[in-house]
């Protein structure tokens, strides 16, 4: 797991490309069309995703087909897994605390509040 993964996914267009590729592999032209981007822009984003190990690009006749790289996402999930129990414990404590609070009473000055 490296910082390039987060840098690559932080850009909205690159995140959208990953979302598109979840359904099926796509050509560079198909990605550009679906995101309404010019092909050079799309290729630049694909290069960043490829450098981060998130996708692979394979030539097929005169097209380049982009595929998600599952290993990169497993690595990301493994890294996030280390923090999952921490988040769950904190949310459980918040839930416990919230259950000790008295129910909220309606504010009569708010719409829908009792007069």
PDB file of N, CA and C in Angstrom:
ATOM      1  N   UNK A   1       0.848  -1.175   0.000  1.00  0.00           N
ATOM      2  CA  UNK A   1       0.000   0.000   0.000  1.00  0.00           C
ATOM      3  C   UNK A   1       0.890   1.234   0.000  1.00  0.00           C
ATOM      4  N   UNK A   2       0.683   2.121  -0.972  1.00  0.00           N
ATOM      5  CA  UNK A   2       1.505   3.323  -1.012  1.00  0.00           C
ATOM      6  C   UNK A   2       0.633   4.568  -1.172  1.00  0.00           C
ATOM      7  N   UNK A   3       1.265   5.698  -1.001  1.00  0.00           N
ATOM      8  CA  UNK A   3       0.521   6.963  -1.068  1.00  0.00           C
ATOM      9  C   UNK A   3      -0.026   7.249  -2.456  1.00  0.00           C
ATOM     10  N   UNK A   4       0.550   6.642  -3.480  1.00  0.00           N
ATOM     11  CA  UNK A   4       0.057   6.863  -4.847  1.00  0.00           C
ATOM     12  C   UNK A   4      -1.393   6.424  -5.005  1.00  0.00           C
ATOM     13  N   UNK A   5      -1.795   5.408  -4.264  1.00  0.00           N
ATOM     14  CA  UNK A   5      -3.178   4.930  -4.333  1.00  0.00           C
ATOM     15  C   UNK A   5      -4.139   6.040  -3.927  1.00  0.00           C
ATOM     16  N   UNK A   6      -3.868   6.664  -2.800  1.00  0.00           N
ATOM     17  CA  UNK A   6      -4.746   7.726  -2.312  1.00  0.00           C
ATOM     18  C   UNK A   6      -4.698   8.957  -3.207  1.00  0.00           C
ATOM     19  N   UNK A   7      -3.513   9.294  -3.690  1.00  0.00           N
ATOM     20  CA  UNK A   7      -3.371  10.428  -4.587  1.00  0.00           C
ATOM     21  C   UNK A   7      -4.172  10.189  -5.866  1.00  0.00           C
ATOM     22  N   UNK A   8      -4.085   8.979  -6.389  1.00  0.00           N
ATOM     23  CA  UNK A   8      -4.804   8.645  -7.622  1.00  0.00           C
ATOM     24  C   UNK A   8      -6.313   8.707  -7.418  1.00  0.00           C
ATOM     25  N   UNK A   9      -6.791   8.173  -6.335  1.00  0.00           N
ATOM     26  CA  UNK A   9      -8.239   8.120  -6.092  1.00  0.00           C
ATOM     27  C   UNK A   9      -8.819   9.447  -5.616  1.00  0.00           C
ATOM     28  N   UNK A  10      -7.967  10.374  -5.212  1.00  0.00           N
ATOM     29  CA  UNK A  10      -8.444  11.659  -4.695  1.00  0.00           C
ATOM     30  C   UNK A  10      -9.031  12.538  -5.799  1.00  0.00           C
ATOM     31  N   UNK A  11      -8.607  12.330  -7.025  1.00  0.00           N
ATOM     32  CA  UNK A  11      -9.122  13.138  -8.126  1.00  0.00           C
ATOM     33  C   UNK A  11     -10.495  12.614  -8.550  1.00  0.00           C
ATOM     34  N   UNK A  12     -11.491  13.479  -8.660  1.00  0.00           N
ATOM     35  CA  UNK A  12     -12.844  13.020  -9.004  1.00  0.00           C
ATOM     36  C   UNK A  12     -12.930  12.275 -10.343  1.00  0.00           C
ATOM     37  N   UNK A  13     -12.198  12.731 -11.358  1.00  0.00           N
ATOM     38  CA  UNK A  13     -12.249  12.032 -12.641  1.00  0.00           C
ATOM     39  C   UNK A  13     -11.649  10.634 -12.539  1.00  0.00           C
ATOM     40  N   UNK A  14     -10.550  10.511 -11.818  1.00  0.00           N
ATOM     41  CA  UNK A  14      -9.930   9.179 -11.673  1.00  0.00           C
ATOM     42  C   UNK A  14     -10.824   8.262 -10.855  1.00  0.00           C
ATOM     43  N   UNK A  15     -11.473   8.810  -9.841  1.00  0.00           N
ATOM     44  CA  UNK A  15     -12.405   8.005  -9.057  1.00  0.00           C
ATOM     45  C   UNK A  15     -13.559   7.528  -9.941  1.00  0.00           C
ATOM     46  N   UNK A  16     -14.062   8.414 -10.806  1.00  0.00           N
ATOM     47  CA  UNK A  16     -15.132   8.033 -11.723  1.00  0.00           C
ATOM     48  C   UNK A  16     -14.670   6.952 -12.704  1.00  0.00           C
ATOM     49  N   UNK A  17     -13.437   7.034 -13.150  1.00  0.00           N
ATOM     50  CA  UNK A  17     -12.902   6.005 -14.045  1.00  0.00           C
ATOM     51  C   UNK A  17     -12.911   4.654 -13.346  1.00  0.00           C
ATOM     52  N   UNK A  18     -12.468   4.620 -12.109  1.00  0.00           N
ATOM     53  CA  UNK A  18     -12.480   3.370 -11.346  1.00  0.00           C
ATOM     54  C   UNK A  18     -13.904   2.849 -11.218  1.00  0.00           C
ATOM     55  N   UNK A  19     -14.839   3.732 -10.934  1.00  0.00           N
ATOM     56  CA  UNK A  19     -16.239   3.315 -10.826  1.00  0.00           C
ATOM     57  C   UNK A  19     -16.744   2.738 -12.148  1.00  0.00           C
ATOM     58  N   UNK A  20     -16.399   3.348 -13.263  1.00  0.00           N
ATOM     59  CA  UNK A  20     -16.800   2.823 -14.569  1.00  0.00           C
ATOM     60  C   UNK A  20     -16.219   1.432 -14.812  1.00  0.00           C
ATOM     61  N   UNK A  21     -14.965   1.263 -14.446  1.00  0.00           N
ATOM     62  CA  UNK A  21     -14.280  -0.007 -14.697  1.00  0.00           C
ATOM     63  C   UNK A  21     -14.750  -1.122 -13.775  1.00  0.00           C
ATOM     64  N   UNK A  22     -15.475  -0.780 -12.723  1.00  0.00           N
ATOM     65  CA  UNK A  22     -16.038  -1.830 -11.862  1.00  0.00           C
ATOM     66  C   UNK A  22     -17.003  -2.701 -12.644  1.00  0.00           C
ATOM     67  N   UNK A  23     -17.732  -2.108 -13.569  1.00  0.00           N
ATOM     68  CA  UNK A  23     -18.732  -2.853 -14.338  1.00  0.00           C
ATOM     69  C   UNK A  23     -18.075  -3.765 -15.369  1.00  0.00           C
ATOM     70  N   UNK A  24     -17.064  -3.238 -16.077  1.00  0.00           N
ATOM     71  CA  UNK A  24     -16.401  -4.032 -17.111  1.00  0.00           C
ATOM     72  C   UNK A  24     -15.199  -3.269 -17.634  1.00  0.00           C
ATOM     73  N   UNK A  25     -14.263  -3.972 -18.257  1.00  0.00           N
ATOM     74  CA  UNK A  25     -13.149  -3.267 -18.903  1.00  0.00           C
ATOM     75  C   UNK A  25     -13.673  -2.357 -20.013  1.00  0.00           C
ATOM     76  N   UNK A  26     -13.015  -1.224 -20.198  1.00  0.00           N
ATOM     77  CA  UNK A  26     -13.418  -0.251 -21.214  1.00  0.00           C
ATOM     78  C   UNK A  26     -12.199   0.239 -21.980  1.00  0.00           C
ATOM     79  N   UNK A  27     -12.440   0.689 -23.194  1.00  0.00           N
ATOM     80  CA  UNK A  27     -11.363   1.301 -23.963  1.00  0.00           C
ATOM     81  C   UNK A  27     -11.175   2.739 -23.497  1.00  0.00           C
ATOM     82  N   UNK A  28     -10.025   3.299 -23.856  1.00  0.00           N
ATOM     83  CA  UNK A  28      -9.752   4.688 -23.500  1.00  0.00           C
ATOM     84  C   UNK A  28     -10.828   5.592 -24.101  1.00  0.00           C
ATOM     85  N   UNK A  29     -11.208   5.334 -25.336  1.00  0.00           N
ATOM     86  CA  UNK A  29     -12.237   6.144 -25.994  1.00  0.00           C
ATOM     87  C   UNK A  29     -13.581   6.053 -25.300  1.00  0.00           C
ATOM     88  N   UNK A  30     -13.956   4.853 -24.852  1.00  0.00           N
ATOM     89  CA  UNK A  30     -15.234   4.689 -24.142  1.00  0.00           C
ATOM     90  C   UNK A  30     -15.230   5.470 -22.830  1.00  0.00           C
ATOM     91  N   UNK A  31     -14.112   5.427 -22.139  1.00  0.00           N
ATOM     92  CA  UNK A  31     -14.004   6.167 -20.870  1.00  0.00           C
ATOM     93  C   UNK A  31     -14.106   7.661 -21.144  1.00  0.00           C
ATOM     94  N   UNK A  32     -13.381   8.136 -22.144  1.00  0.00           N
ATOM     95  CA  UNK A  32     -13.425   9.558 -22.493  1.00  0.00           C
ATOM     96  C   UNK A  32     -14.847   9.986 -22.834  1.00  0.00           C
ATOM     97  N   UNK A  33     -15.538   9.178 -23.626  1.00  0.00           N
ATOM     98  CA  UNK A  33     -16.921   9.510 -24.003  1.00  0.00           C
ATOM     99  C   UNK A  33     -17.846   9.552 -22.790  1.00  0.00           C
ATOM    100  N   UNK A  34     -17.740   8.548 -21.925  1.00  0.00           N
ATOM    101  CA  UNK A  34     -18.648   8.480 -20.776  1.00  0.00           C
ATOM    102  C   UNK A  34     -18.409   9.602 -19.779  1.00  0.00           C
ATOM    103  N   UNK A  35     -17.175  10.078 -19.686  1.00  0.00           N
ATOM    104  CA  UNK A  35     -16.871  11.161 -18.741  1.00  0.00           C
ATOM    105  C   UNK A  35     -16.844  12.531 -19.408  1.00  0.00           C
ATOM    106  N   UNK A  36     -17.116  12.540 -20.721  1.00  0.00           N
ATOM    107  CA  UNK A  36     -17.106  13.784 -21.471  1.00  0.00           C
ATOM    108  C   UNK A  36     -15.766  14.504 -21.343  1.00  0.00           C
ATOM    109  N   UNK A  37     -14.687  13.734 -21.485  1.00  0.00           N
ATOM    110  CA  UNK A  37     -13.328  14.269 -21.438  1.00  0.00           C
ATOM    111  C   UNK A  37     -12.669  14.093 -22.802  1.00  0.00           C
ATOM    112  N   UNK A  38     -11.678  14.910 -23.080  1.00  0.00           N
ATOM    113  CA  UNK A  38     -10.869  14.709 -24.284  1.00  0.00           C
ATOM    114  C   UNK A  38      -9.955  13.511 -24.048  1.00  0.00           C
ATOM    115  N   UNK A  39      -9.570  12.866 -25.116  1.00  0.00           N
ATOM    116  CA  UNK A  39      -8.742  11.665 -24.984  1.00  0.00           C
ATOM    117  C   UNK A  39      -7.393  11.941 -24.300  1.00  0.00           C
ATOM    118  N   UNK A  40      -6.706  13.064 -24.590  1.00  0.00           N
ATOM    119  CA  UNK A  40      -5.449  13.322 -23.873  1.00  0.00           C
ATOM    120  C   UNK A  40      -5.640  13.436 -22.357  1.00  0.00           C
ATOM    121  N   UNK A  41      -6.731  14.096 -21.948  1.00  0.00           N
ATOM    122  CA  UNK A  41      -7.016  14.205 -20.508  1.00  0.00           C
ATOM    123  C   UNK A  41      -7.243  12.819 -19.916  1.00  0.00           C
ATOM    124  N   UNK A  42      -8.021  12.016 -20.619  1.00  0.00           N
ATOM    125  CA  UNK A  42      -8.331  10.667 -20.146  1.00  0.00           C
ATOM    126  C   UNK A  42      -7.057   9.851 -20.029  1.00  0.00           C
ATOM    127  N   UNK A  43      -6.203   9.926 -21.032  1.00  0.00           N
ATOM    128  CA  UNK A  43      -4.946   9.170 -21.009  1.00  0.00           C
ATOM    129  C   UNK A  43      -4.064   9.592 -19.836  1.00  0.00           C
ATOM    130  N   UNK A  44      -4.063  10.875 -19.533  1.00  0.00           N
ATOM    131  CA  UNK A  44      -3.277  11.370 -18.395  1.00  0.00           C
ATOM    132  C   UNK A  44      -3.806  10.766 -17.083  1.00  0.00           C
ATOM    133  N   UNK A  45      -5.123  10.753 -16.917  1.00  0.00           N
ATOM    134  CA  UNK A  45      -5.705  10.163 -15.712  1.00  0.00           C
ATOM    135  C   UNK A  45      -5.423   8.661 -15.639  1.00  0.00           C
ATOM    136  N   UNK A  46      -5.506   8.004 -16.773  1.00  0.00           N
ATOM    137  CA  UNK A  46      -5.241   6.559 -16.802  1.00  0.00           C
ATOM    138  C   UNK A  46      -3.790   6.262 -16.455  1.00  0.00           C
ATOM    139  N   UNK A  47      -2.891   7.127 -16.857  1.00  0.00           N
ATOM    140  CA  UNK A  47      -1.471   6.941 -16.537  1.00  0.00           C
ATOM    141  C   UNK A  47      -1.259   6.997 -15.015  1.00  0.00           C
ATOM    142  N   UNK A  48      -1.917   7.945 -14.363  1.00  0.00           N
ATOM    143  CA  UNK A  48      -1.794   8.069 -12.901  1.00  0.00           C
ATOM    144  C   UNK A  48      -2.347   6.809 -12.226  1.00  0.00           C
ATOM    145  N   UNK A  49      -3.511   6.336 -12.687  1.00  0.00           N
ATOM    146  CA  UNK A  49      -4.108   5.125 -12.117  1.00  0.00           C
ATOM    147  C   UNK A  49      -3.218   3.911 -12.351  1.00  0.00           C
ATOM    148  N   UNK A  50      -2.613   3.856 -13.528  1.00  0.00           N
ATOM    149  CA  UNK A  50      -1.707   2.746 -13.843  1.00  0.00           C
ATOM    150  C   UNK A  50      -0.444   2.802 -12.982  1.00  0.00           C
ATOM    151  N   UNK A  51       0.132   3.989 -12.841  1.00  0.00           N
ATOM    152  CA  UNK A  51       1.334   4.148 -12.007  1.00  0.00           C
ATOM    153  C   UNK A  51       1.062   3.773 -10.552  1.00  0.00           C
ATOM    154  N   UNK A  52      -0.171   3.987 -10.109  1.00  0.00           N
ATOM    155  CA  UNK A  52      -0.545   3.625  -8.735  1.00  0.00           C
ATOM    156  C   UNK A  52      -0.873   2.140  -8.611  1.00  0.00           C
ATOM    157  N   UNK A  53      -0.895   1.420  -9.734  1.00  0.00           N
ATOM    158  CA  UNK A  53      -1.184  -0.007  -9.704  1.00  0.00           C
ATOM    159  C   UNK A  53      -2.655  -0.342  -9.626  1.00  0.00           C
ATOM    160  N   UNK A  54      -3.525   0.647  -9.861  1.00  0.00           N
ATOM    161  CA  UNK A  54      -4.965   0.423  -9.742  1.00  0.00           C
ATOM    162  C   UNK A  54      -5.585  -0.153 -11.010  1.00  0.00           C
ATOM    163  N   UNK A  55      -4.960   0.101 -12.152  1.00  0.00           N
ATOM    164  CA  UNK A  55      -5.467  -0.441 -13.415  1.00  0.00           C
ATOM    165  C   UNK A  55      -4.313  -0.975 -14.243  1.00  0.00           C
ATOM    166  N   UNK A  56      -4.661  -1.802 -15.216  1.00  0.00           N
ATOM    167  CA  UNK A  56      -3.722  -2.204 -16.252  1.00  0.00           C
ATOM    168  C   UNK A  56      -4.356  -1.854 -17.588  1.00  0.00           C
ATOM    169  N   UNK A  57      -3.523  -1.561 -18.554  1.00  0.00           N
ATOM    170  CA  UNK A  57      -3.990  -1.202 -19.883  1.00  0.00           C
ATOM    171  C   UNK A  57      -3.363  -2.178 -20.869  1.00  0.00           C
ATOM    172  N   UNK A  58      -4.223  -2.844 -21.656  1.00  0.00           N
ATOM    173  CA  UNK A  58      -3.765  -3.846 -22.612  1.00  0.00           C
ATOM    174  C   UNK A  58      -4.148  -3.425 -24.019  1.00  0.00           C
ATOM    175  N   UNK A  59      -3.191  -3.488 -24.953  1.00  0.00           N
ATOM    176  CA  UNK A  59      -3.548  -3.181 -26.339  1.00  0.00           C
ATOM    177  C   UNK A  59      -4.418  -4.293 -26.930  1.00  0.00           C
ATOM    178  N   UNK A  60      -5.400  -3.884 -27.714  1.00  0.00           N
ATOM    179  CA  UNK A  60      -6.274  -4.841 -28.402  1.00  0.00           C
ATOM    180  C   UNK A  60      -6.583  -4.225 -29.771  1.00  0.00           C
ATOM    181  N   UNK A  61      -5.924  -4.740 -30.796  1.00  0.00           N
ATOM    182  CA  UNK A  61      -5.998  -4.153 -32.141  1.00  0.00           C
ATOM    183  C   UNK A  61      -5.539  -2.698 -32.054  1.00  0.00           C
ATOM    184  N   UNK A  62      -6.371  -1.750 -32.456  1.00  0.00           N
ATOM    185  CA  UNK A  62      -5.960  -0.341 -32.387  1.00  0.00           C
ATOM    186  C   UNK A  62      -6.518   0.378 -31.162  1.00  0.00           C
ATOM    187  N   UNK A  63      -7.003  -0.382 -30.198  1.00  0.00           N
ATOM    188  CA  UNK A  63      -7.554   0.203 -28.973  1.00  0.00           C
ATOM    189  C   UNK A  63      -6.724  -0.221 -27.772  1.00  0.00           C
ATOM    190  N   UNK A  64      -6.845   0.558 -26.709  1.00  0.00           N
ATOM    191  CA  UNK A  64      -6.228   0.190 -25.425  1.00  0.00           C
ATOM    192  C   UNK A  64      -7.368  -0.052 -24.452  1.00  0.00           C
ATOM    193  N   UNK A  65      -7.393  -1.257 -23.876  1.00  0.00           N
ATOM    194  CA  UNK A  65      -8.476  -1.654 -22.977  1.00  0.00           C
ATOM    195  C   UNK A  65      -7.967  -1.569 -21.534  1.00  0.00           C
ATOM    196  N   UNK A  66      -8.754  -0.912 -20.689  1.00  0.00           N
ATOM    197  CA  UNK A  66      -8.385  -0.694 -19.284  1.00  0.00           C
ATOM    198  C   UNK A  66      -9.131  -1.675 -18.395  1.00  0.00           C
ATOM    199  N   UNK A  67      -8.401  -2.261 -17.460  1.00  0.00           N
ATOM    200  CA  UNK A  67      -8.941  -3.228 -16.504  1.00  0.00           C
ATOM    201  C   UNK A  67      -8.550  -2.787 -15.094  1.00  0.00           C
ATOM    202  N   UNK A  68      -9.442  -3.018 -14.139  1.00  0.00           N
ATOM    203  CA  UNK A  68      -9.063  -2.809 -12.740  1.00  0.00           C
ATOM    204  C   UNK A  68      -8.062  -3.872 -12.331  1.00  0.00           C
ATOM    205  N   UNK A  69      -7.185  -3.517 -11.423  1.00  0.00           N
ATOM    206  CA  UNK A  69      -6.187  -4.439 -10.892  1.00  0.00           C
ATOM    207  C   UNK A  69      -6.645  -4.855  -9.481  1.00  0.00           C
ATOM    208  N   UNK A  70      -7.270  -6.028  -9.338  1.00  0.00           N
ATOM    209  CA  UNK A  70      -7.872  -6.412  -8.049  1.00  0.00           C
ATOM    210  C   UNK A  70      -6.894  -6.419  -6.877  1.00  0.00           C
ATOM    211  N   UNK A  71      -5.653  -6.762  -7.118  1.00  0.00           N
ATOM    212  CA  UNK A  71      -4.676  -6.837  -6.025  1.00  0.00           C
ATOM    213  C   UNK A  71      -4.542  -5.495  -5.311  1.00  0.00           C
ATOM    214  N   UNK A  72      -4.543  -4.416  -6.069  1.00  0.00           N
ATOM    215  CA  UNK A  72      -4.402  -3.085  -5.457  1.00  0.00           C
ATOM    216  C   UNK A  72      -5.557  -2.791  -4.517  1.00  0.00           C
ATOM    217  N   UNK A  73      -6.742  -3.222  -4.883  1.00  0.00           N
ATOM    218  CA  UNK A  73      -7.909  -2.957  -4.041  1.00  0.00           C
ATOM    219  C   UNK A  73      -7.943  -3.883  -2.830  1.00  0.00           C
ATOM    220  N   UNK A  74      -7.410  -5.082  -2.965  1.00  0.00           N
ATOM    221  CA  UNK A  74      -7.281  -5.961  -1.784  1.00  0.00           C
ATOM    222  C   UNK A  74      -6.289  -5.357  -0.802  1.00  0.00           C
ATOM    223  N   UNK A  75      -5.189  -4.821  -1.330  1.00  0.00           N
ATOM    224  CA  UNK A  75      -4.202  -4.172  -0.458  1.00  0.00           C
ATOM    225  C   UNK A  75      -4.818  -2.977   0.266  1.00  0.00           C
ATOM    226  N   UNK A  76      -5.616  -2.203  -0.457  1.00  0.00           N
ATOM    227  CA  UNK A  76      -6.297  -1.059   0.153  1.00  0.00           C
ATOM    228  C   UNK A  76      -7.261  -1.518   1.241  1.00  0.00           C
ATOM    229  N   UNK A  77      -8.022  -2.574   0.953  1.00  0.00           N
ATOM    230  CA  UNK A  77      -8.962  -3.107   1.937  1.00  0.00           C
ATOM    231  C   UNK A  77      -8.223  -3.648   3.166  1.00  0.00           C
ATOM    232  N   UNK A  78      -7.096  -4.320   2.954  1.00  0.00           N
ATOM    233  CA  UNK A  78      -6.292  -4.815   4.084  1.00  0.00           C
ATOM    234  C   UNK A  78      -5.814  -3.653   4.949  1.00  0.00           C
ATOM    235  N   UNK A  79      -5.350  -2.585   4.317  1.00  0.00           N
ATOM    236  CA  UNK A  79      -4.874  -1.431   5.060  1.00  0.00           C
ATOM    237  C   UNK A  79      -6.022  -0.801   5.851  1.00  0.00           C
ATOM    238  N   UNK A  80      -7.172  -0.626   5.199  1.00  0.00           N
ATOM    239  CA  UNK A  80      -8.326  -0.050   5.888  1.00  0.00           C
ATOM    240  C   UNK A  80      -8.811  -0.957   7.023  1.00  0.00           C
ATOM    241  N   UNK A  81      -8.663  -2.264   6.844  1.00  0.00           N
ATOM    242  CA  UNK A  81      -9.092  -3.226   7.855  1.00  0.00           C
ATOM    243  C   UNK A  81      -8.406  -3.002   9.195  1.00  0.00           C
ATOM    244  N   UNK A  82      -7.178  -2.514   9.149  1.00  0.00           N
ATOM    245  CA  UNK A  82      -6.457  -2.252  10.397  1.00  0.00           C
ATOM    246  C   UNK A  82      -7.129  -1.151  11.212  1.00  0.00           C
ATOM    247  N   UNK A  83      -7.869  -0.288  10.557  1.00  0.00           N
ATOM    248  CA  UNK A  83      -8.528   0.829  11.233  1.00  0.00           C
ATOM    249  C   UNK A  83     -10.004   0.564  11.485  1.00  0.00           C
ATOM    250  N   UNK A  84     -10.549  -0.429  10.832  1.00  0.00           N
ATOM    251  CA  UNK A  84     -11.982  -0.724  10.935  1.00  0.00           C
ATOM    252  C   UNK A  84     -12.402  -0.992  12.379  1.00  0.00           C
ATOM    253  N   UNK A  85     -11.640  -1.798  13.099  1.00  0.00           N
ATOM    254  CA  UNK A  85     -12.020  -2.117  14.481  1.00  0.00           C
ATOM    255  C   UNK A  85     -11.959  -0.865  15.366  1.00  0.00           C
ATOM    256  N   UNK A  86     -11.011   0.016  15.094  1.00  0.00           N
ATOM    257  CA  UNK A  86     -10.917   1.269  15.838  1.00  0.00           C
ATOM    258  C   UNK A  86     -12.166   2.116  15.603  1.00  0.00           C
ATOM    259  N   UNK A  87     -12.558   2.260  14.336  1.00  0.00           N
ATOM    260  CA  UNK A  87     -13.750   3.045  14.019  1.00  0.00           C
ATOM    261  C   UNK A  87     -14.990   2.412  14.625  1.00  0.00           C
ATOM    262  N   UNK A  88     -15.112   1.103  14.519  1.00  0.00           N
ATOM    263  CA  UNK A  88     -16.288   0.426  15.056  1.00  0.00           C
ATOM    264  C   UNK A  88     -16.376   0.595  16.563  1.00  0.00           C
ATOM    265  N   UNK A  89     -15.242   0.502  17.256  1.00  0.00           N
ATOM    266  CA  UNK A  89     -15.240   0.677  18.705  1.00  0.00           C
ATOM    267  C   UNK A  89     -15.671   2.097  19.080  1.00  0.00           C
ATOM    268  N   UNK A  90     -15.178   3.066  18.334  1.00  0.00           N
ATOM    269  CA  UNK A  90     -15.557   4.456  18.627  1.00  0.00           C
ATOM    270  C   UNK A  90     -17.035   4.701  18.346  1.00  0.00           C
ATOM    271  N   UNK A  91     -17.533   4.139  17.274  1.00  0.00           N
ATOM    272  CA  UNK A  91     -18.957   4.293  16.970  1.00  0.00           C
ATOM    273  C   UNK A  91     -19.825   3.579  18.000  1.00  0.00           C
ATOM    274  N   UNK A  92     -19.366   2.422  18.489  1.00  0.00           N
ATOM    275  CA  UNK A  92     -20.099   1.719  19.543  1.00  0.00           C
ATOM    276  C   UNK A  92     -20.160   2.567  20.810  1.00  0.00           C
ATOM    277  N   UNK A  93     -19.031   3.210  21.170  1.00  0.00           N
ATOM    278  CA  UNK A  93     -19.020   4.073  22.351  1.00  0.00           C
ATOM    279  C   UNK A  93     -19.953   5.271  22.160  1.00  0.00           C
ATOM    280  N   UNK A  94     -19.966   5.836  20.962  1.00  0.00           N
ATOM    281  CA  UNK A  94     -20.874   6.947  20.682  1.00  0.00           C
ATOM    282  C   UNK A  94     -22.322   6.489  20.797  1.00  0.00           C
ATOM    283  N   UNK A  95     -22.621   5.330  20.271  1.00  0.00           N
ATOM    284  CA  UNK A  95     -23.979   4.784  20.365  1.00  0.00           C
ATOM    285  C   UNK A  95     -24.364   4.571  21.830  1.00  0.00           C
ATOM    286  N   UNK A  96     -23.437   4.024  22.625  1.00  0.00           N
ATOM    287  CA  UNK A  96     -23.703   3.826  24.058  1.00  0.00           C
ATOM    288  C   UNK A  96     -23.983   5.162  24.743  1.00  0.00           C
ATOM    289  N   UNK A  97     -23.180   6.177  24.433  1.00  0.00           N
ATOM    290  CA  UNK A  97     -23.372   7.495  25.032  1.00  0.00           C
ATOM    291  C   UNK A  97     -24.723   8.093  24.621  1.00  0.00           C
ATOM    292  N   UNK A  98     -25.040   8.019  23.338  1.00  0.00           N
ATOM    293  CA  UNK A  98     -26.300   8.590  22.862  1.00  0.00           C
ATOM    294  C   UNK A  98     -27.507   7.914  23.487  1.00  0.00           C
ATOM    295  N   UNK A  99     -27.384   6.640  23.798  1.00  0.00           N
ATOM    296  CA  UNK A  99     -28.518   5.932  24.414  1.00  0.00           C
ATOM    297  C   UNK A  99     -28.739   6.368  25.861  1.00  0.00           C
ATOM    298  N   UNK A 100     -27.759   7.031  26.479  1.00  0.00           N
ATOM    299  CA  UNK A 100     -27.930   7.513  27.852  1.00  0.00           C
ATOM    300  C   UNK A 100     -28.576   8.892  27.904  1.00  0.00           C
ATOM    301  N   UNK A 101     -28.656   9.579  26.788  1.00  0.00           N
ATOM    302  CA  UNK A 101     -29.228  10.924  26.766  1.00  0.00           C
ATOM    303  C   UNK A 101     -30.746  10.847  26.808  1.00  0.00           C
ATOM    304  N   UNK A 102     -31.372  11.834  27.465  1.00  0.00           N
ATOM    305  CA  UNK A 102     -32.847  11.853  27.466  1.00  0.00           C
ATOM    306  C   UNK A 102     -33.348  12.166  26.060  1.00  0.00           C
ATOM    307  N   UNK A 103     -34.575  11.735  25.767  1.00  0.00           N
ATOM    308  CA  UNK A 103     -35.135  12.042  24.443  1.00  0.00           C
ATOM    309  C   UNK A 103     -35.244  13.550  24.250  1.00  0.00           C
ATOM    310  N   UNK A 104     -35.046  13.980  23.043  1.00  0.00           N
ATOM    311  CA  UNK A 104     -35.150  15.408  22.734  1.00  0.00           C
ATOM    312  C   UNK A 104     -36.599  15.850  22.847  1.00  0.00           C
ATOM    313  N   UNK A 105     -36.790  17.045  23.408  1.00  0.00           N
ATOM    314  CA  UNK A 105     -38.143  17.609  23.482  1.00  0.00           C
ATOM    315  C   UNK A 105     -38.294  18.597  22.341  1.00  0.00           C
ATOM    316  N   UNK A 106     -39.472  18.638  21.739  1.00  0.00           N
ATOM    317  CA  UNK A 106     -39.674  19.555  20.610  1.00  0.00           C
ATOM    318  C   UNK A 106     -39.509  21.005  21.051  1.00  0.00           C
ATOM    319  N   UNK A 107     -38.917  21.794  20.205  1.00  0.00           N
ATOM    320  CA  UNK A 107     -38.748  23.236  20.446  1.00  0.00           C
ATOM    321  C   UNK A 107     -39.987  23.930  19.913  1.00  0.00           C
ATOM    322  N   UNK A 108     -40.746  24.603  20.786  1.00  0.00           N
ATOM    323  CA  UNK A 108     -42.003  25.239  20.344  1.00  0.00           C
ATOM    324  C   UNK A 108     -41.777  26.335  19.295  1.00  0.00           C
ATOM    325  N   UNK A 109     -40.560  26.871  19.200  1.00  0.00           N
ATOM    326  CA  UNK A 109     -40.310  27.917  18.196  1.00  0.00           C
ATOM    327  C   UNK A 109     -39.974  27.335  16.833  1.00  0.00           C
ATOM    328  N   UNK A 110     -39.721  26.037  16.746  1.00  0.00           N
ATOM    329  CA  UNK A 110     -39.414  25.378  15.483  1.00  0.00           C
ATOM    330  C   UNK A 110     -40.714  24.944  14.792  1.00  0.00           C
ATOM    331  N   UNK A 111     -40.712  24.939  13.465  1.00  0.00           N
ATOM    332  CA  UNK A 111     -41.905  24.428  12.762  1.00  0.00           C
ATOM    333  C   UNK A 111     -42.191  22.994  13.178  1.00  0.00           C
ATOM    334  N   UNK A 112     -43.435  22.716  13.472  1.00  0.00           N
ATOM    335  CA  UNK A 112     -43.820  21.377  13.912  1.00  0.00           C
ATOM    336  C   UNK A 112     -43.678  21.162  15.389  1.00  0.00           C
ATOM    337  N   UNK A 113     -43.118  22.144  16.127  1.00  0.00           N
ATOM    338  CA  UNK A 113     -42.987  22.025  17.569  1.00  0.00           C
ATOM    339  C   UNK A 113     -44.300  22.315  18.260  1.00  0.00           C
ATOM    340  N   UNK A 114     -44.447  21.863  19.473  1.00  0.00           N
ATOM    341  CA  UNK A 114     -45.687  22.090  20.241  1.00  0.00           C
ATOM    342  C   UNK A 114     -45.715  23.533  20.729  1.00  0.00           C
ATOM    343  N   UNK A 115     -46.917  24.157  20.740  1.00  0.00           N
ATOM    344  CA  UNK A 115     -47.027  25.549  21.230  1.00  0.00           C
ATOM    345  C   UNK A 115     -46.856  25.650  22.717  1.00  0.00           C
TER     346      UNK A 115
END
